[in-house]
Amino acid sequence: MLTGRTPPPIVGDRADYRAETTTEFVEWMMGLPEGWVTDVPGLSRNQQLKALGNGVVPQAAATALQDLLTRT
């Protein structure tokens, strides 16, 4: 388990029966700590998804930075 925790539900329950990916699952897939975006007060679901979508997966950023620093 890469994040050290079990994955949250992939889709949430909706009254109109449309399945939507949960923001908690997106946060987990990016390897972010639980609540990094989803526990920010006042953010709507759309704002959370925008923040997550515009973010960089920390592991990818670390790999890119390490690669750049080892070049001569």
PDB file of N, CA and C in Angstrom:
ATOM      1  N   MET A   1       0.841  -1.169   0.000  1.00  0.00           N
ATOM      2  CA  MET A   1       0.000   0.000   0.000  1.00  0.00           C
ATOM      3  C   MET A   1       0.892   1.239   0.000  1.00  0.00           C
ATOM      4  N   LEU A   2       0.889   1.952  -1.074  1.00  0.00           N
ATOM      5  CA  LEU A   2       1.770   3.100  -1.242  1.00  0.00           C
ATOM      6  C   LEU A   2       1.502   4.211  -0.239  1.00  0.00           C
ATOM      7  N   THR A   3       0.245   4.497   0.021  1.00  0.00           N
ATOM      8  CA  THR A   3      -0.096   5.607   0.911  1.00  0.00           C
ATOM      9  C   THR A   3      -0.170   5.194   2.373  1.00  0.00           C
ATOM     10  N   GLY A   4      -0.146   3.906   2.639  1.00  0.00           N
ATOM     11  CA  GLY A   4      -0.241   3.444   4.013  1.00  0.00           C
ATOM     12  C   GLY A   4      -1.659   3.395   4.530  1.00  0.00           C
ATOM     13  N   ARG A   5      -2.626   3.597   3.664  1.00  0.00           N
ATOM     14  CA  ARG A   5      -4.026   3.524   4.081  1.00  0.00           C
ATOM     15  C   ARG A   5      -4.852   2.891   2.968  1.00  0.00           C
ATOM     16  N   THR A   6      -5.967   2.339   3.346  1.00  0.00           N
ATOM     17  CA  THR A   6      -6.827   1.709   2.351  1.00  0.00           C
ATOM     18  C   THR A   6      -7.518   2.780   1.519  1.00  0.00           C
ATOM     19  N   PRO A   7      -7.821   2.454   0.278  1.00  0.00           N
ATOM     20  CA  PRO A   7      -8.454   3.455  -0.577  1.00  0.00           C
ATOM     21  C   PRO A   7      -9.882   3.761  -0.128  1.00  0.00           C
ATOM     22  N   PRO A   8     -10.282   5.025  -0.254  1.00  0.00           N
ATOM     23  CA  PRO A   8     -11.666   5.375   0.043  1.00  0.00           C
ATOM     24  C   PRO A   8     -12.570   4.908  -1.097  1.00  0.00           C
ATOM     25  N   PRO A   9     -13.882   4.992  -0.924  1.00  0.00           N
ATOM     26  CA  PRO A   9     -14.780   4.594  -2.014  1.00  0.00           C
ATOM     27  C   PRO A   9     -14.484   5.371  -3.297  1.00  0.00           C
ATOM     28  N   ILE A  10     -14.564   4.683  -4.418  1.00  0.00           N
ATOM     29  CA  ILE A  10     -14.278   5.317  -5.706  1.00  0.00           C
ATOM     30  C   ILE A  10     -15.416   6.233  -6.126  1.00  0.00           C
ATOM     31  N   VAL A  11     -16.626   5.778  -5.965  1.00  0.00           N
ATOM     32  CA  VAL A  11     -17.781   6.601  -6.338  1.00  0.00           C
ATOM     33  C   VAL A  11     -18.679   6.821  -5.135  1.00  0.00           C
ATOM     34  N   GLY A  12     -19.339   7.978  -5.140  1.00  0.00           N
ATOM     35  CA  GLY A  12     -20.232   8.318  -4.047  1.00  0.00           C
ATOM     36  C   GLY A  12     -21.677   8.002  -4.392  1.00  0.00           C
ATOM     37  N   ASP A  13     -22.514   8.082  -3.399  1.00  0.00           N
ATOM     38  CA  ASP A  13     -23.944   7.865  -3.602  1.00  0.00           C
ATOM     39  C   ASP A  13     -24.604   9.186  -3.962  1.00  0.00           C
ATOM     40  N   ARG A  14     -25.440   9.132  -4.964  1.00  0.00           N
ATOM     41  CA  ARG A  14     -26.184  10.322  -5.377  1.00  0.00           C
ATOM     42  C   ARG A  14     -27.658   9.966  -5.489  1.00  0.00           C
ATOM     43  N   ALA A  15     -28.483  10.931  -5.187  1.00  0.00           N
ATOM     44  CA  ALA A  15     -29.928  10.722  -5.245  1.00  0.00           C
ATOM     45  C   ALA A  15     -30.400  10.415  -6.667  1.00  0.00           C
ATOM     46  N   ASP A  16     -29.702  10.972  -7.676  1.00  0.00           N
ATOM     47  CA  ASP A  16     -30.133  10.747  -9.060  1.00  0.00           C
ATOM     48  C   ASP A  16     -29.429   9.544  -9.697  1.00  0.00           C
ATOM     49  N   TYR A  17     -28.720   8.746  -8.897  1.00  0.00           N
ATOM     50  CA  TYR A  17     -28.086   7.500  -9.324  1.00  0.00           C
ATOM     51  C   TYR A  17     -26.935   7.674 -10.321  1.00  0.00           C
ATOM     52  N   ARG A  18     -26.422   8.873 -10.460  1.00  0.00           N
ATOM     53  CA  ARG A  18     -25.233   9.054 -11.290  1.00  0.00           C
ATOM     54  C   ARG A  18     -24.011   8.807 -10.410  1.00  0.00           C
ATOM     55  N   ALA A  19     -23.119   8.000 -10.889  1.00  0.00           N
ATOM     56  CA  ALA A  19     -21.902   7.723 -10.127  1.00  0.00           C
ATOM     57  C   ALA A  19     -20.877   8.810 -10.419  1.00  0.00           C
ATOM     58  N   GLU A  20     -20.324   9.373  -9.382  1.00  0.00           N
ATOM     59  CA  GLU A  20     -19.267  10.367  -9.522  1.00  0.00           C
ATOM     60  C   GLU A  20     -18.089   9.961  -8.660  1.00  0.00           C
ATOM     61  N   THR A  21     -16.911  10.141  -9.197  1.00  0.00           N
ATOM     62  CA  THR A  21     -15.704   9.840  -8.440  1.00  0.00           C
ATOM     63  C   THR A  21     -15.643  10.741  -7.209  1.00  0.00           C
ATOM     64  N   THR A  22     -15.315  10.154  -6.080  1.00  0.00           N
ATOM     65  CA  THR A  22     -15.211  10.949  -4.859  1.00  0.00           C
ATOM     66  C   THR A  22     -13.904  11.726  -4.848  1.00  0.00           C
ATOM     67  N   THR A  23     -13.944  12.899  -4.258  1.00  0.00           N
ATOM     68  CA  THR A  23     -12.726  13.708  -4.154  1.00  0.00           C
ATOM     69  C   THR A  23     -11.709  13.031  -3.239  1.00  0.00           C
ATOM     70  N   GLU A  24     -12.205  12.279  -2.264  1.00  0.00           N
ATOM     71  CA  GLU A  24     -11.289  11.547  -1.373  1.00  0.00           C
ATOM     72  C   GLU A  24     -10.493  10.504  -2.148  1.00  0.00           C
ATOM     73  N   PHE A  25     -11.137   9.856  -3.130  1.00  0.00           N
ATOM     74  CA  PHE A  25     -10.430   8.865  -3.930  1.00  0.00           C
ATOM     75  C   PHE A  25      -9.368   9.532  -4.805  1.00  0.00           C
ATOM     76  N   VAL A  26      -9.697  10.661  -5.410  1.00  0.00           N
ATOM     77  CA  VAL A  26      -8.723  11.385  -6.237  1.00  0.00           C
ATOM     78  C   VAL A  26      -7.536  11.807  -5.377  1.00  0.00           C
ATOM     79  N   GLU A  27      -7.811  12.326  -4.203  1.00  0.00           N
ATOM     80  CA  GLU A  27      -6.756  12.730  -3.266  1.00  0.00           C
ATOM     81  C   GLU A  27      -5.866  11.534  -2.927  1.00  0.00           C
ATOM     82  N   TRP A  28      -6.477  10.378  -2.668  1.00  0.00           N
ATOM     83  CA  TRP A  28      -5.727   9.162  -2.346  1.00  0.00           C
ATOM     84  C   TRP A  28      -4.875   8.716  -3.529  1.00  0.00           C
ATOM     85  N   MET A  29      -5.465   8.740  -4.753  1.00  0.00           N
ATOM     86  CA  MET A  29      -4.729   8.314  -5.949  1.00  0.00           C
ATOM     87  C   MET A  29      -3.491   9.190  -6.188  1.00  0.00           C
ATOM     88  N   MET A  30      -3.562  10.442  -5.797  1.00  0.00           N
ATOM     89  CA  MET A  30      -2.427  11.333  -5.988  1.00  0.00           C
ATOM     90  C   MET A  30      -1.358  11.139  -4.910  1.00  0.00           C
ATOM     91  N   GLY A  31      -1.649  10.310  -3.918  1.00  0.00           N
ATOM     92  CA  GLY A  31      -0.682  10.051  -2.862  1.00  0.00           C
ATOM     93  C   GLY A  31      -0.618  11.156  -1.822  1.00  0.00           C
ATOM     94  N   LEU A  32      -1.647  11.994  -1.773  1.00  0.00           N
ATOM     95  CA  LEU A  32      -1.672  13.097  -0.817  1.00  0.00           C
ATOM     96  C   LEU A  32      -2.164  12.605   0.544  1.00  0.00           C
ATOM     97  N   PRO A  33      -1.769  13.287   1.605  1.00  0.00           N
ATOM     98  CA  PRO A  33      -2.286  12.913   2.930  1.00  0.00           C
ATOM     99  C   PRO A  33      -3.807  13.065   2.980  1.00  0.00           C
ATOM    100  N   GLU A  34      -4.448  12.246   3.765  1.00  0.00           N
ATOM    101  CA  GLU A  34      -5.902  12.305   3.905  1.00  0.00           C
ATOM    102  C   GLU A  34      -6.319  13.694   4.381  1.00  0.00           C
ATOM    103  N   GLY A  35      -7.255  14.296   3.672  1.00  0.00           N
ATOM    104  CA  GLY A  35      -7.749  15.611   4.050  1.00  0.00           C
ATOM    105  C   GLY A  35      -6.949  16.781   3.506  1.00  0.00           C
ATOM    106  N   TRP A  36      -5.900  16.517   2.747  1.00  0.00           N
ATOM    107  CA  TRP A  36      -5.029  17.575   2.223  1.00  0.00           C
ATOM    108  C   TRP A  36      -5.846  18.632   1.473  1.00  0.00           C
ATOM    109  N   VAL A  37      -6.789  18.189   0.674  1.00  0.00           N
ATOM    110  CA  VAL A  37      -7.690  19.087  -0.051  1.00  0.00           C
ATOM    111  C   VAL A  37      -9.121  18.934   0.453  1.00  0.00           C
ATOM    112  N   THR A  38      -9.510  17.701   0.751  1.00  0.00           N
ATOM    113  CA  THR A  38     -10.910  17.429   1.071  1.00  0.00           C
ATOM    114  C   THR A  38     -11.351  17.965   2.429  1.00  0.00           C
ATOM    115  N   ASP A  39     -10.439  18.278   3.312  1.00  0.00           N
ATOM    116  CA  ASP A  39     -10.815  18.820   4.623  1.00  0.00           C
ATOM    117  C   ASP A  39     -10.634  20.336   4.709  1.00  0.00           C
ATOM    118  N   VAL A  40     -10.344  20.990   3.594  1.00  0.00           N
ATOM    119  CA  VAL A  40     -10.212  22.452   3.607  1.00  0.00           C
ATOM    120  C   VAL A  40     -11.615  23.044   3.743  1.00  0.00           C
ATOM    121  N   PRO A  41     -11.849  23.844   4.780  1.00  0.00           N
ATOM    122  CA  PRO A  41     -13.189  24.387   4.992  1.00  0.00           C
ATOM    123  C   PRO A  41     -13.633  25.292   3.835  1.00  0.00           C
ATOM    124  N   GLY A  42     -14.899  25.149   3.476  1.00  0.00           N
ATOM    125  CA  GLY A  42     -15.499  26.049   2.501  1.00  0.00           C
ATOM    126  C   GLY A  42     -15.306  25.691   1.040  1.00  0.00           C
ATOM    127  N   LEU A  43     -14.554  24.621   0.731  1.00  0.00           N
ATOM    128  CA  LEU A  43     -14.358  24.246  -0.673  1.00  0.00           C
ATOM    129  C   LEU A  43     -15.488  23.339  -1.139  1.00  0.00           C
ATOM    130  N   SER A  44     -16.093  23.698  -2.253  1.00  0.00           N
ATOM    131  CA  SER A  44     -17.122  22.840  -2.837  1.00  0.00           C
ATOM    132  C   SER A  44     -16.455  21.635  -3.500  1.00  0.00           C
ATOM    133  N   ARG A  45     -17.248  20.659  -3.886  1.00  0.00           N
ATOM    134  CA  ARG A  45     -16.717  19.486  -4.587  1.00  0.00           C
ATOM    135  C   ARG A  45     -15.997  19.920  -5.855  1.00  0.00           C
ATOM    136  N   ASN A  46     -16.601  20.831  -6.622  1.00  0.00           N
ATOM    137  CA  ASN A  46     -15.961  21.302  -7.851  1.00  0.00           C
ATOM    138  C   ASN A  46     -14.636  22.004  -7.571  1.00  0.00           C
ATOM    139  N   GLN A  47     -14.572  22.792  -6.526  1.00  0.00           N
ATOM    140  CA  GLN A  47     -13.322  23.467  -6.170  1.00  0.00           C
ATOM    141  C   GLN A  47     -12.260  22.461  -5.732  1.00  0.00           C
ATOM    142  N   GLN A  48     -12.683  21.431  -5.019  1.00  0.00           N
ATOM    143  CA  GLN A  48     -11.744  20.385  -4.616  1.00  0.00           C
ATOM    144  C   GLN A  48     -11.178  19.673  -5.835  1.00  0.00           C
ATOM    145  N   LEU A  49     -12.059  19.310  -6.773  1.00  0.00           N
ATOM    146  CA  LEU A  49     -11.596  18.632  -7.988  1.00  0.00           C
ATOM    147  C   LEU A  49     -10.679  19.525  -8.811  1.00  0.00           C
ATOM    148  N   LYS A  50     -10.968  20.808  -8.865  1.00  0.00           N
ATOM    149  CA  LYS A  50     -10.108  21.746  -9.598  1.00  0.00           C
ATOM    150  C   LYS A  50      -8.730  21.814  -8.946  1.00  0.00           C
ATOM    151  N   ALA A  51      -8.706  21.914  -7.628  1.00  0.00           N
ATOM    152  CA  ALA A  51      -7.425  21.964  -6.914  1.00  0.00           C
ATOM    153  C   ALA A  51      -6.637  20.675  -7.125  1.00  0.00           C
ATOM    154  N   LEU A  52      -7.320  19.544  -7.054  1.00  0.00           N
ATOM    155  CA  LEU A  52      -6.644  18.259  -7.257  1.00  0.00           C
ATOM    156  C   LEU A  52      -6.193  18.105  -8.705  1.00  0.00           C
ATOM    157  N   GLY A  53      -7.017  18.543  -9.635  1.00  0.00           N
ATOM    158  CA  GLY A  53      -6.680  18.425 -11.055  1.00  0.00           C
ATOM    159  C   GLY A  53      -5.541  19.321 -11.474  1.00  0.00           C
ATOM    160  N   ASN A  54      -5.403  20.450 -10.805  1.00  0.00           N
ATOM    161  CA  ASN A  54      -4.323  21.375 -11.120  1.00  0.00           C
ATOM    162  C   ASN A  54      -3.060  21.074 -10.323  1.00  0.00           C
ATOM    163  N   GLY A  55      -3.139  20.102  -9.443  1.00  0.00           N
ATOM    164  CA  GLY A  55      -1.993  19.749  -8.614  1.00  0.00           C
ATOM    165  C   GLY A  55      -1.027  18.822  -9.328  1.00  0.00           C
ATOM    166  N   VAL A  56       0.103  18.631  -8.705  1.00  0.00           N
ATOM    167  CA  VAL A  56       1.121  17.719  -9.220  1.00  0.00           C
ATOM    168  C   VAL A  56       1.232  16.564  -8.244  1.00  0.00           C
ATOM    169  N   VAL A  57       1.277  15.359  -8.776  1.00  0.00           N
ATOM    170  CA  VAL A  57       1.463  14.199  -7.914  1.00  0.00           C
ATOM    171  C   VAL A  57       2.846  14.335  -7.270  1.00  0.00           C
ATOM    172  N   PRO A  58       2.909  14.391  -5.932  1.00  0.00           N
ATOM    173  CA  PRO A  58       4.188  14.640  -5.260  1.00  0.00           C
ATOM    174  C   PRO A  58       5.306  13.688  -5.680  1.00  0.00           C
ATOM    175  N   GLN A  59       4.983  12.416  -5.893  1.00  0.00           N
ATOM    176  CA  GLN A  59       6.010  11.452  -6.272  1.00  0.00           C
ATOM    177  C   GLN A  59       6.591  11.781  -7.648  1.00  0.00           C
ATOM    178  N   ALA A  60       5.758  12.262  -8.573  1.00  0.00           N
ATOM    179  CA  ALA A  60       6.244  12.635  -9.905  1.00  0.00           C
ATOM    180  C   ALA A  60       7.135  13.873  -9.811  1.00  0.00           C
ATOM    181  N   ALA A  61       6.737  14.832  -9.001  1.00  0.00           N
ATOM    182  CA  ALA A  61       7.544  16.041  -8.824  1.00  0.00           C
ATOM    183  C   ALA A  61       8.896  15.705  -8.203  1.00  0.00           C
ATOM    184  N   ALA A  62       8.901  14.820  -7.215  1.00  0.00           N
ATOM    185  CA  ALA A  62      10.153  14.432  -6.566  1.00  0.00           C
ATOM    186  C   ALA A  62      11.082  13.731  -7.550  1.00  0.00           C
ATOM    187  N   THR A  63      10.537  12.865  -8.382  1.00  0.00           N
ATOM    188  CA  THR A  63      11.343  12.161  -9.384  1.00  0.00           C
ATOM    189  C   THR A  63      11.936  13.144 -10.388  1.00  0.00           C
ATOM    190  N   ALA A  64      11.109  14.080 -10.863  1.00  0.00           N
ATOM    191  CA  ALA A  64      11.594  15.074 -11.827  1.00  0.00           C
ATOM    192  C   ALA A  64      12.693  15.932 -11.214  1.00  0.00           C
ATOM    193  N   LEU A  65      12.497  16.380  -9.983  1.00  0.00           N
ATOM    194  CA  LEU A  65      13.500  17.208  -9.327  1.00  0.00           C
ATOM    195  C   LEU A  65      14.787  16.436  -9.099  1.00  0.00           C
ATOM    196  N   GLN A  66      14.677  15.194  -8.678  1.00  0.00           N
ATOM    197  CA  GLN A  66      15.869  14.368  -8.467  1.00  0.00           C
ATOM    198  C   GLN A  66      16.627  14.185  -9.779  1.00  0.00           C
ATOM    199  N   ASP A  67      15.917  13.952 -10.869  1.00  0.00           N
ATOM    200  CA  ASP A  67      16.543  13.791 -12.168  1.00  0.00           C
ATOM    201  C   ASP A  67      17.275  15.080 -12.588  1.00  0.00           C
ATOM    202  N   LEU A  68      16.622  16.209 -12.384  1.00  0.00           N
ATOM    203  CA  LEU A  68      17.257  17.488 -12.759  1.00  0.00           C
ATOM    204  C   LEU A  68      18.503  17.773 -11.930  1.00  0.00           C
ATOM    205  N   LEU A  69      18.469  17.423 -10.649  1.00  0.00           N
ATOM    206  CA  LEU A  69      19.604  17.698  -9.770  1.00  0.00           C
ATOM    207  C   LEU A  69      20.801  16.787 -10.039  1.00  0.00           C
ATOM    208  N   THR A  70      20.566  15.620 -10.639  1.00  0.00           N
ATOM    209  CA  THR A  70      21.681  14.700 -10.879  1.00  0.00           C
ATOM    210  C   THR A  70      22.328  14.916 -12.255  1.00  0.00           C
ATOM    211  N   ARG A  71      21.743  15.781 -13.051  1.00  0.00           N
ATOM    212  CA  ARG A  71      22.337  16.069 -14.373  1.00  0.00           C
ATOM    213  C   ARG A  71      23.525  17.013 -14.196  1.00  0.00           C
ATOM    214  N   THR A  72      24.525  16.827 -15.032  1.00  0.00           N
ATOM    215  CA  THR A  72      25.697  17.704 -14.930  1.00  0.00           C
ATOM    216  C   THR A  72      25.741  18.704 -16.039  1.00  0.00           C
TER     217      THR A  72
END
